[in-house]
Amino acid sequence: MDDHSNYRLASQLSWDATGATIARVLEAAIREYGAPEELLSDNGAQFRGRKGGVTVEVGELCRRYGIRPVFTSSNHPQTIGKAEHAHKDDKMEFFDVVKFETMEEGQLKLSIFDVWQNGCPNRGLEGRSPGEAFMGGPSVTGSAWRPSTGSTWVSLCLGSESS
């Protein structure tokens, strides 16, 4: 997720959360959007490694693209608040609502959810969507996917109602 705009750059359903998995998802985001100056993450083993250094996979990716890894302080959870809030939204608005039979089906639905989230107005962005903030103006996804009153992303994007 882009820190400035809350734009969801890449999401991947996975059975594991290893450094290798994280590095693959980050690599895909970098290929599409370019490399960030910094990568802010928590102190999870998939980012930090067991001995406190950067994991081999994530560390190599950061070195290759000149990205500075930044880790949150274990006593300051607010630093990673946007990501934690996004995880909470994902749980409430996606994982608690959407059912899928296969990882492929789940990934397709998660991708639709990301497009939806990138197009939703955000109070923290003065009513602009993450897509508009990330792209620097009105975006195609922002206008095309803006929710209408009373609509849920599930009914609009997936053709089913949430319960």
Protein backbone atom coordinates (compact mmCIF):
# COMPACT_ATOMS: atom_id res chain seq x y z
CA MET A 1 0.00 0.00 0.00
CA ASP A 2 1.27 3.45 -0.90
CA ASP A 3 1.68 5.48 2.29
CA HIS A 4 0.70 8.83 0.73
CA SER A 5 -2.47 7.74 -1.05
CA ASN A 6 -3.53 4.42 0.55
CA TYR A 7 -3.49 3.00 -2.98
CA ARG A 8 -3.40 -0.78 -2.96
CA LEU A 9 -0.51 -1.68 -5.22
CA ALA A 10 -0.61 -5.46 -4.96
CA SER A 11 -2.46 -8.15 -3.00
CA GLN A 12 -1.85 -11.86 -3.11
CA LEU A 13 -3.75 -14.65 -1.39
CA SER A 14 -1.29 -17.17 -0.07
CA TRP A 15 -1.13 -20.09 2.33
CA ASP A 16 2.14 -18.74 3.68
CA ALA A 17 3.62 -15.36 4.56
CA THR A 18 7.28 -16.05 3.96
CA GLY A 19 9.93 -13.61 2.83
CA ALA A 20 9.89 -15.30 -0.60
CA THR A 21 6.14 -14.79 -0.97
CA ILE A 22 6.37 -11.16 0.14
CA ALA A 23 9.28 -10.53 -2.24
CA ARG A 24 7.29 -11.94 -5.21
CA VAL A 25 4.34 -9.64 -4.48
CA LEU A 26 6.62 -6.63 -3.99
CA GLU A 27 8.45 -7.42 -7.22
CA ALA A 28 5.15 -7.44 -9.14
CA ALA A 29 4.20 -4.05 -7.65
CA ILE A 30 7.63 -2.62 -8.50
CA ARG A 31 7.39 -3.83 -12.10
CA GLU A 32 4.01 -2.13 -12.48
CA TYR A 33 4.49 1.07 -10.48
CA GLY A 34 8.23 1.52 -9.96
CA ALA A 35 10.34 1.15 -6.83
CA PRO A 36 9.59 3.17 -3.71
CA GLU A 37 12.29 4.98 -1.77
CA GLU A 38 11.40 3.08 1.42
CA LEU A 39 9.61 -0.09 2.45
CA LEU A 40 7.89 0.34 5.81
CA SER A 41 7.03 -2.93 7.51
CA ASP A 42 6.44 -4.39 10.91
CA ASN A 43 8.96 -6.65 12.60
CA GLY A 44 7.44 -9.90 11.36
CA ALA A 45 9.86 -12.70 10.47
CA GLN A 46 8.84 -12.49 6.80
CA PHE A 47 10.33 -8.97 6.71
CA ARG A 48 12.85 -8.88 9.51
CA GLY A 49 14.17 -12.42 9.66
CA ARG A 50 14.78 -14.44 12.78
CA LYS A 51 17.98 -12.71 13.84
CA GLY A 52 16.74 -9.13 13.42
CA GLY A 53 18.14 -8.43 9.93
CA VAL A 54 16.19 -8.19 6.72
CA THR A 55 15.18 -11.59 5.29
CA VAL A 56 17.28 -12.79 2.39
CA GLU A 57 14.47 -12.44 -0.17
CA VAL A 58 13.14 -9.04 0.90
CA GLY A 59 16.66 -7.77 1.60
CA GLU A 60 17.87 -8.77 -1.85
CA LEU A 61 14.87 -7.10 -3.48
CA CYS A 62 15.53 -3.90 -1.51
CA ARG A 63 19.22 -3.91 -2.48
CA ARG A 64 18.46 -4.58 -6.14
CA TYR A 65 16.06 -1.63 -6.38
CA GLY A 66 17.78 0.72 -3.94
CA ILE A 67 14.91 0.60 -1.46
CA ARG A 68 15.63 1.49 2.15
CA PRO A 69 13.91 -0.98 4.53
CA VAL A 70 12.31 0.76 7.52
CA PHE A 71 10.96 -1.22 10.46
CA THR A 72 8.38 -0.06 12.98
CA SER A 73 9.28 0.33 16.60
CA SER A 74 7.84 -2.49 18.63
CA ASN A 75 6.59 0.08 21.15
CA HIS A 76 4.95 2.38 18.57
CA PRO A 77 2.15 0.53 16.71
CA GLN A 78 0.76 3.78 15.24
CA THR A 79 3.64 3.83 12.74
CA ILE A 80 2.09 1.00 10.75
CA GLY A 81 -1.50 2.08 11.47
CA LYS A 82 -2.59 2.47 7.84
CA ALA A 83 -1.57 -1.07 7.00
CA GLU A 84 -3.22 -2.43 10.15
CA HIS A 85 -6.40 -0.50 9.30
CA ALA A 86 -6.32 -1.94 5.78
CA HIS A 87 -5.98 -5.46 7.22
CA LYS A 88 -8.99 -4.77 9.45
CA ASP A 89 -10.98 -3.55 6.42
CA ASP A 90 -9.90 -6.62 4.46
CA LYS A 91 -11.16 -8.88 7.22
CA MET A 92 -14.51 -7.12 7.71
CA GLU A 93 -15.26 -6.22 4.11
CA PHE A 94 -13.68 -9.11 2.24
CA PHE A 95 -12.78 -12.23 4.21
CA ASP A 96 -15.88 -12.16 6.46
CA VAL A 97 -18.16 -11.61 3.44
CA VAL A 98 -16.76 -13.28 0.35
CA LYS A 99 -16.77 -17.01 -0.11
CA PHE A 100 -14.57 -18.79 -2.62
CA GLU A 101 -13.78 -22.40 -3.44
CA THR A 102 -10.25 -22.06 -4.81
CA MET A 103 -7.30 -19.74 -4.34
CA GLU A 104 -7.68 -18.66 -7.98
CA GLU A 105 -11.31 -17.65 -7.43
CA GLY A 106 -10.36 -15.90 -4.19
CA GLN A 107 -7.52 -14.02 -5.90
CA LEU A 108 -9.85 -12.80 -8.65
CA LYS A 109 -12.34 -11.54 -6.06
CA LEU A 110 -9.56 -9.94 -4.00
CA SER A 111 -8.32 -8.13 -7.12
CA ILE A 112 -11.83 -6.77 -7.71
CA PHE A 113 -11.98 -5.70 -4.06
CA ASP A 114 -8.67 -3.83 -4.45
CA VAL A 115 -9.98 -1.96 -7.50
CA TRP A 116 -13.08 -1.08 -5.50
CA GLN A 117 -11.08 0.13 -2.50
CA ASN A 118 -8.82 2.20 -4.77
CA GLY A 119 -11.93 3.94 -6.14
CA CYS A 120 -13.74 4.67 -2.86
CA PRO A 121 -13.65 8.23 -1.50
CA ASN A 122 -11.48 8.51 1.61
CA ARG A 123 -11.96 11.05 4.41
CA GLY A 124 -8.22 11.14 5.05
CA LEU A 125 -7.72 12.16 1.42
CA GLU A 126 -10.32 14.98 1.59
CA GLY A 127 -12.91 12.90 -0.24
CA ARG A 128 -10.62 11.81 -3.07
CA SER A 129 -10.14 8.13 -3.76
CA PRO A 130 -6.78 6.42 -3.31
CA GLY A 131 -6.69 6.04 -7.10
CA GLU A 132 -7.14 9.78 -7.60
CA ALA A 133 -4.50 10.60 -4.97
CA PHE A 134 -1.99 8.06 -6.33
CA MET A 135 -2.45 9.05 -9.98
CA GLY A 136 -2.44 12.78 -9.18
CA GLY A 137 -5.95 13.52 -10.39
CA PRO A 138 -9.21 11.82 -11.33
CA SER A 139 -8.49 8.25 -12.30
CA VAL A 140 -10.38 5.87 -14.52
CA THR A 141 -10.83 3.41 -11.66
CA GLY A 142 -11.84 6.22 -9.32
CA SER A 143 -14.73 7.36 -11.47
CA ALA A 144 -15.70 3.97 -12.86
CA TRP A 145 -15.74 2.20 -9.51
CA ARG A 146 -17.07 4.91 -7.24
CA PRO A 147 -19.79 3.36 -5.07
CA SER A 148 -23.39 4.52 -5.36
CA THR A 149 -25.55 5.13 -2.31
CA GLY A 150 -26.67 1.87 -0.75
CA SER A 151 -24.46 -0.28 -2.96
CA THR A 152 -21.94 -2.68 -1.59
CA TRP A 153 -18.80 -3.66 -3.42
CA VAL A 154 -20.01 -7.25 -3.26
CA SER A 155 -23.28 -6.54 -5.06
CA LEU A 156 -21.71 -4.28 -7.66
CA CYS A 157 -18.54 -6.22 -8.39
CA LEU A 158 -19.48 -9.81 -7.74
CA GLY A 159 -23.21 -9.87 -8.37
CA SER A 160 -24.15 -11.13 -4.89
CA GLU A 161 -25.39 -9.51 -1.72
CA SER A 162 -23.49 -9.56 1.53
CA SER A 163 -25.15 -11.06 4.56
